[in-house]
């Protein structure tokens, strides 16, 4: 990606503002921009969601659940035994070149791969919360494969937090067809996939999927939900993934600067607290949206046929 520069006066202005707990857009150090969340936008997907931070970063995530084979290739005996009883999650993140000039050119591919690996590492690990064993249909043979595709439509900082929020919302809206297993004898097993939409189920453990909180060290302080200019002023970043129970699921430090031990502990505690409250807020938004959809659906059902004229 092409380098982006910031002038010394802008750098000093941001540092002084963060130190005084007054950022350029009027927020405090630990304030997020308004989160706008929508689900069910892609009709051909098993689940989808779109998340925007104010008028800035905009991410769309689509989830497609497909029938496939259990992955066994390249695994040693112990790992193969575990994978034989699990479904699969395959992630892909792409930053659209129209979102920012930073995403144009060959360097953007490396950035896309970095984001993809981060999301994949969280969702395929034990800290993801997803019950991958429930995605297995016949151990060692068939399973459900969950494809998660995220695209960054617009960029105004804090991209990872937005991707994780959108992915969690998309998994909330995802439904998997119900399967019925039948044993035919002689070790043969068959299964049927029900077409009834009402029989579809959510992915077990979606609510335990963590969100990411990116804390940016600027001067001797730290902030969340940084803008592009604030990210240029950042000396070091700490990514904290937190689930709804307040458990820290992962940490990753990036950037060339150092973080003092006392500040590191404070940043982790901040990420943990903010992550738990963010999940609660997101779940409330998702529940309100689902209630509104169910209410509209019930009103339409009551007006079918000649009753619509009354």
Protein backbone atom coordinates (compact mmCIF):
# COMPACT_ATOMS: atom_id res chain seq x y z
CA UNK A 1 0.00 0.00 0.00
CA UNK A 2 1.30 3.52 -0.73
CA UNK A 3 2.64 5.37 2.33
CA UNK A 4 0.46 8.04 3.91
CA UNK A 5 2.12 11.00 5.57
CA UNK A 6 1.12 13.28 8.43
CA UNK A 7 2.63 16.67 9.17
CA UNK A 8 4.43 17.38 12.48
CA UNK A 9 1.78 19.96 13.43
CA UNK A 10 -1.05 17.45 12.87
CA UNK A 11 0.86 14.83 14.83
CA UNK A 12 1.38 17.22 17.77
CA UNK A 13 -2.27 18.34 17.65
CA UNK A 14 -3.53 14.75 17.91
CA UNK A 15 -1.13 13.82 20.72
CA UNK A 16 -2.09 16.86 22.78
CA UNK A 17 -5.79 16.25 22.19
CA UNK A 18 -5.55 12.60 23.27
CA UNK A 19 -3.62 13.63 26.37
CA UNK A 20 -6.42 16.09 27.23
CA UNK A 21 -9.12 13.47 26.47
CA UNK A 22 -10.52 15.62 23.64
CA UNK A 23 -10.10 14.10 20.18
CA UNK A 24 -10.47 16.00 16.90
CA UNK A 25 -14.04 14.74 16.36
CA UNK A 26 -15.13 15.54 19.90
CA UNK A 27 -14.94 12.02 21.32
CA UNK A 28 -13.13 10.97 24.47
CA UNK A 29 -10.26 8.47 24.44
CA UNK A 30 -12.52 5.44 24.96
CA UNK A 31 -15.52 6.48 22.88
CA UNK A 32 -16.65 4.60 19.76
CA UNK A 33 -18.33 6.24 16.82
CA UNK A 34 -22.00 5.36 16.31
CA UNK A 35 -22.37 1.74 15.24
CA UNK A 36 -24.98 1.14 12.52
CA UNK A 37 -25.80 -2.54 12.06
CA UNK A 38 -28.02 -4.30 9.51
CA UNK A 39 -28.56 -8.00 8.78
CA UNK A 40 -30.14 -10.12 6.05
CA UNK A 41 -29.01 -7.91 3.15
CA UNK A 42 -27.87 -10.66 0.74
CA UNK A 43 -30.78 -12.89 -0.25
CA UNK A 44 -28.64 -15.67 -1.76
CA UNK A 45 -26.45 -16.01 1.35
CA UNK A 46 -27.12 -18.13 4.42
CA UNK A 47 -26.52 -15.02 6.52
CA UNK A 48 -25.23 -11.51 6.02
CA UNK A 49 -24.62 -8.24 7.83
CA UNK A 50 -23.34 -4.74 7.21
CA UNK A 51 -21.73 -2.54 9.83
CA UNK A 52 -20.77 1.13 9.64
CA UNK A 53 -18.89 3.26 12.14
CA UNK A 54 -20.64 6.61 11.90
CA UNK A 55 -20.09 7.94 8.38
CA UNK A 56 -16.76 6.12 8.14
CA UNK A 57 -15.62 2.50 7.88
CA UNK A 58 -18.20 0.30 6.15
CA UNK A 59 -17.95 -3.52 6.03
CA UNK A 60 -20.24 -6.09 4.40
CA UNK A 61 -20.02 -9.78 5.39
CA UNK A 62 -21.76 -12.67 3.68
CA UNK A 63 -21.93 -16.20 5.08
CA UNK A 64 -22.61 -19.20 2.85
CA UNK A 65 -23.10 -22.68 4.34
CA UNK A 66 -22.45 -25.54 1.93
CA UNK A 67 -22.26 -29.31 2.13
CA UNK A 68 -18.73 -30.67 1.71
CA UNK A 69 -16.09 -33.20 2.72
CA UNK A 70 -14.26 -33.29 6.02
CA UNK A 71 -10.70 -31.95 5.69
CA UNK A 72 -8.10 -34.62 6.44
CA UNK A 73 -5.28 -33.94 4.00
CA UNK A 74 -1.90 -32.99 5.42
CA UNK A 75 -2.86 -33.65 9.02
CA UNK A 76 -1.03 -36.01 11.34
CA UNK A 77 -2.91 -38.83 13.02
CA UNK A 78 -3.91 -36.95 16.18
CA UNK A 79 -4.99 -33.81 14.32
CA UNK A 80 -6.81 -35.88 11.68
CA UNK A 81 -8.86 -37.59 14.40
CA UNK A 82 -10.00 -34.19 15.68
CA UNK A 83 -10.73 -32.76 12.22
CA UNK A 84 -12.70 -35.87 11.26
CA UNK A 85 -15.38 -34.88 13.77
CA UNK A 86 -15.56 -31.16 12.93
CA UNK A 87 -17.01 -28.86 10.33
CA UNK A 88 -14.95 -26.19 8.61
CA UNK A 89 -14.84 -22.40 8.58
CA UNK A 90 -13.16 -20.71 5.61
CA UNK A 91 -12.57 -16.96 5.78
CA UNK A 92 -11.73 -14.37 3.18
CA UNK A 93 -11.31 -10.61 3.63
CA UNK A 94 -10.93 -8.17 0.77
CA UNK A 95 -10.50 -4.41 0.91
CA UNK A 96 -12.08 -2.74 -2.10
CA UNK A 97 -9.72 -0.33 -3.89
CA UNK A 98 -12.54 2.22 -4.02
CA UNK A 99 -12.62 2.29 -0.20
CA UNK A 100 -9.22 3.97 0.01
CA UNK A 101 -6.18 4.56 -2.17
CA UNK A 102 -4.23 2.62 0.47
CA UNK A 103 -5.89 -0.56 -0.82
CA UNK A 104 -4.70 -0.10 -4.39
CA UNK A 105 -1.63 -1.85 -5.79
CA UNK A 106 0.19 -5.06 -4.99
CA UNK A 107 0.71 -4.22 -1.32
CA UNK A 108 -3.05 -4.49 -0.77
CA UNK A 109 -2.89 -8.26 -1.30
CA UNK A 110 -0.59 -8.64 1.70
CA UNK A 111 -2.93 -6.54 3.82
CA UNK A 112 -5.93 -8.62 2.71
CA UNK A 113 -4.05 -11.82 3.61
CA UNK A 114 -3.15 -10.41 7.01
CA UNK A 115 -6.79 -9.58 7.80
CA UNK A 116 -7.93 -12.98 6.49
CA UNK A 117 -5.42 -14.86 8.65
CA UNK A 118 -6.42 -12.87 11.73
CA UNK A 119 -10.13 -13.66 11.27
CA UNK A 120 -9.41 -17.30 10.37
CA UNK A 121 -7.16 -17.78 13.41
CA UNK A 122 -9.88 -16.60 15.78
CA UNK A 123 -12.84 -18.44 14.21
CA UNK A 124 -11.06 -21.78 13.73
CA UNK A 125 -9.50 -21.85 17.19
CA UNK A 126 -11.01 -23.08 20.46
CA UNK A 127 -11.56 -19.46 21.49
CA UNK A 128 -14.06 -18.89 18.65
CA UNK A 129 -16.97 -20.26 20.66
CA UNK A 130 -18.41 -21.97 17.57
CA UNK A 131 -19.32 -25.62 18.09
CA UNK A 132 -17.59 -27.02 15.01
CA UNK A 133 -18.47 -30.57 16.02
CA UNK A 134 -22.15 -29.73 15.48
CA UNK A 135 -21.26 -28.88 11.88
CA UNK A 136 -20.11 -32.45 11.25
CA UNK A 137 -22.75 -34.60 9.56
CA UNK A 138 -20.96 -37.96 9.24
CA UNK A 139 -17.59 -38.13 11.06
CA UNK A 140 -14.70 -38.61 8.67
CA UNK A 141 -16.89 -38.06 5.61
CA UNK A 142 -19.23 -35.10 5.35
CA UNK A 143 -19.70 -31.81 7.12
CA UNK A 144 -21.03 -28.28 6.72
CA UNK A 145 -18.49 -25.76 5.42
CA UNK A 146 -19.07 -22.17 6.55
CA UNK A 147 -17.68 -19.67 4.05
CA UNK A 148 -17.26 -16.17 5.49
CA UNK A 149 -16.51 -13.44 2.96
CA UNK A 150 -15.93 -9.87 4.16
CA UNK A 151 -15.47 -6.85 1.94
CA UNK A 152 -14.45 -3.39 3.12
CA UNK A 153 -16.61 -0.89 1.22
CA UNK A 154 -15.32 2.28 2.85
CA UNK A 155 -12.41 3.03 5.15
CA UNK A 156 -12.07 5.58 7.94
CA UNK A 157 -9.93 3.70 10.46
CA UNK A 158 -10.47 0.83 12.91
CA UNK A 159 -10.97 -1.80 10.25
CA UNK A 160 -10.44 -4.97 12.33
CA UNK A 161 -12.98 -4.07 15.00
CA UNK A 162 -15.58 -3.43 12.31
CA UNK A 163 -14.84 -6.73 10.54
CA UNK A 164 -15.28 -8.72 13.75
CA UNK A 165 -18.51 -6.91 14.67
CA UNK A 166 -19.96 -7.50 11.21
CA UNK A 167 -18.90 -11.16 11.16
CA UNK A 168 -20.54 -11.81 14.52
CA UNK A 169 -23.78 -10.21 13.29
CA UNK A 170 -23.66 -12.21 10.04
CA UNK A 171 -23.26 -15.46 12.01
CA UNK A 172 -26.27 -14.43 14.12
CA UNK A 173 -28.41 -14.25 10.96
CA UNK A 174 -27.01 -17.48 9.48
CA UNK A 175 -29.25 -20.55 9.31
CA UNK A 176 -28.17 -24.14 8.59
CA UNK A 177 -30.57 -26.75 7.14
CA UNK A 178 -31.49 -29.54 9.53
CA UNK A 179 -30.16 -33.01 8.71
CA UNK A 180 -31.61 -36.41 9.58
CA UNK A 181 -29.12 -39.29 9.97
CA UNK A 182 -30.23 -42.84 9.15
CA UNK A 183 -28.25 -46.05 9.67
CA UNK A 184 -28.78 -48.64 6.92
CA UNK A 185 -26.78 -51.43 8.50
CA UNK A 186 -23.37 -52.88 7.65
CA UNK A 187 -21.81 -49.60 8.69
CA UNK A 188 -23.61 -47.60 6.02
CA UNK A 189 -24.99 -44.24 7.04
CA UNK A 190 -27.29 -42.00 5.01
CA UNK A 191 -28.64 -38.56 5.71
CA UNK A 192 -31.35 -36.26 4.40
CA UNK A 193 -31.21 -32.47 4.27
CA UNK A 194 -34.56 -30.87 5.03
CA UNK A 195 -35.69 -28.07 2.69
CA UNK A 196 -38.08 -26.53 5.19
CA UNK A 197 -36.85 -23.04 6.07
CA UNK A 198 -38.65 -23.22 9.43
CA UNK A 199 -36.48 -26.21 10.36
CA UNK A 200 -33.20 -24.35 9.81
CA UNK A 201 -31.05 -23.72 12.86
CA UNK A 202 -28.51 -21.15 13.98
CA UNK A 203 -24.85 -22.15 14.28
CA UNK A 204 -24.40 -23.28 17.85
CA UNK A 205 -22.03 -21.00 19.73
CA UNK A 206 -22.44 -17.91 17.52
CA UNK A 207 -23.12 -15.85 20.66
CA UNK A 208 -19.72 -16.84 22.07
CA UNK A 209 -17.83 -15.47 19.07
CA UNK A 210 -15.51 -12.72 20.35
CA UNK A 211 -15.23 -9.15 19.14
CA UNK A 212 -11.96 -7.30 18.62
CA UNK A 213 -10.97 -4.13 20.43
CA UNK A 214 -7.99 -2.31 18.91
CA UNK A 215 -6.22 0.00 21.35
CA UNK A 216 -3.83 2.56 19.89
CA UNK A 217 -1.00 3.98 21.98
CA UNK A 218 -0.59 7.68 21.28
CA UNK A 219 1.91 9.46 23.49
CA UNK A 220 1.49 8.09 26.99
CA UNK A 221 -2.23 7.36 26.51
CA UNK A 222 -4.33 4.91 24.54
CA UNK A 223 -7.52 5.27 22.51
CA UNK A 224 -10.07 3.04 20.75
CA UNK A 225 -11.77 3.37 17.36
CA UNK A 226 -8.97 5.42 15.83
CA UNK A 227 -9.42 7.53 12.71
CA UNK A 228 -6.87 7.30 9.85
CA UNK A 229 -4.93 10.33 11.13
CA UNK A 230 -4.89 8.91 14.66
CA UNK A 231 -3.60 5.60 13.29
CA UNK A 232 -0.71 7.48 11.64
CA UNK A 233 0.14 8.99 15.02
CA UNK A 234 -0.03 5.59 16.76
CA UNK A 235 3.25 4.26 18.16
CA UNK A 236 1.94 0.77 18.91
CA UNK A 237 -1.33 -1.17 18.68
CA UNK A 238 -2.77 -3.85 20.92
CA UNK A 239 -5.60 -6.03 19.58
CA UNK A 240 -7.69 -7.65 22.33
CA UNK A 241 -10.37 -10.20 21.42
CA UNK A 242 -13.06 -10.61 24.08
CA UNK A 243 -16.17 -12.81 24.32
CA UNK A 244 -19.49 -12.04 25.99
CA UNK A 245 -18.31 -13.49 29.32
CA UNK A 246 -15.47 -10.97 29.46
CA UNK A 247 -12.79 -13.57 28.80
CA UNK A 248 -9.76 -12.43 26.82
CA UNK A 249 -9.51 -14.81 23.85
CA UNK A 250 -6.37 -13.41 22.27
CA UNK A 251 -3.82 -10.59 22.18
CA UNK A 252 -1.70 -9.25 19.35
CA UNK A 253 0.71 -6.36 19.48
CA UNK A 254 1.74 -4.52 16.33
CA UNK A 255 3.63 -1.38 15.44
CA UNK A 256 7.22 -0.38 15.99
CA UNK A 257 6.79 1.29 19.38
CA UNK A 258 6.94 -0.30 22.81
CA UNK A 259 4.24 -0.58 25.48
CA UNK A 260 5.23 -0.26 29.13
CA UNK A 261 4.11 -3.16 31.38
CA UNK A 262 1.82 -0.97 33.49
CA UNK A 263 0.22 0.54 30.38
CA UNK A 264 -0.11 -2.92 28.82
CA UNK A 265 -2.10 -4.19 31.80
CA UNK A 266 -4.31 -1.11 31.67
CA UNK A 267 -4.91 -1.57 27.92
CA UNK A 268 -5.88 -5.22 28.36
CA UNK A 269 -8.33 -4.35 31.13
CA UNK A 270 -9.78 -1.53 29.01
CA UNK A 271 -10.20 -3.86 26.04
CA UNK A 272 -11.86 -6.48 28.20
CA UNK A 273 -14.35 -4.03 29.70
CA UNK A 274 -15.17 -2.30 26.40
CA UNK A 275 -15.47 -5.62 24.56
CA UNK A 276 -18.05 -6.98 26.98
CA UNK A 277 -20.16 -3.82 26.86
CA UNK A 278 -19.86 -3.67 23.05
CA UNK A 279 -21.17 -7.23 22.69
CA UNK A 280 -24.12 -6.42 24.93
CA UNK A 281 -24.93 -3.37 22.83
CA UNK A 282 -24.61 -5.30 19.55
CA UNK A 283 -26.83 -8.14 20.79
CA UNK A 284 -29.51 -5.64 21.80
CA UNK A 285 -29.43 -4.10 18.30
CA UNK A 286 -29.70 -7.54 16.69
CA UNK A 287 -32.60 -8.52 18.92
CA UNK A 288 -34.48 -5.29 18.20
CA UNK A 289 -34.01 -5.76 14.47
CA UNK A 290 -35.25 -9.37 14.64
CA UNK A 291 -38.30 -8.29 16.64
CA UNK A 292 -39.13 -5.64 14.03
CA UNK A 293 -38.77 -8.17 11.20
CA UNK A 294 -41.01 -10.71 12.97
CA UNK A 295 -43.62 -8.01 13.62
CA UNK A 296 -43.70 -6.94 9.95
CA UNK A 297 -43.88 -10.58 8.85
CA UNK A 298 -46.82 -11.24 11.17
CA UNK A 299 -48.66 -8.18 9.84
CA UNK A 300 -48.21 -9.36 6.24
CA UNK A 301 -49.48 -12.85 7.09
CA UNK A 302 -52.63 -11.40 8.62
CA UNK A 303 -53.42 -9.53 5.37
CA UNK A 304 -53.22 -12.42 2.94
CA UNK A 305 -56.08 -13.27 0.55
CA UNK A 306 -59.42 -11.46 0.72
CA UNK A 307 -58.59 -10.31 4.27
CA UNK A 308 -56.23 -7.75 2.69
CA UNK A 309 -59.29 -5.74 1.62
CA UNK A 310 -60.53 -5.30 5.18
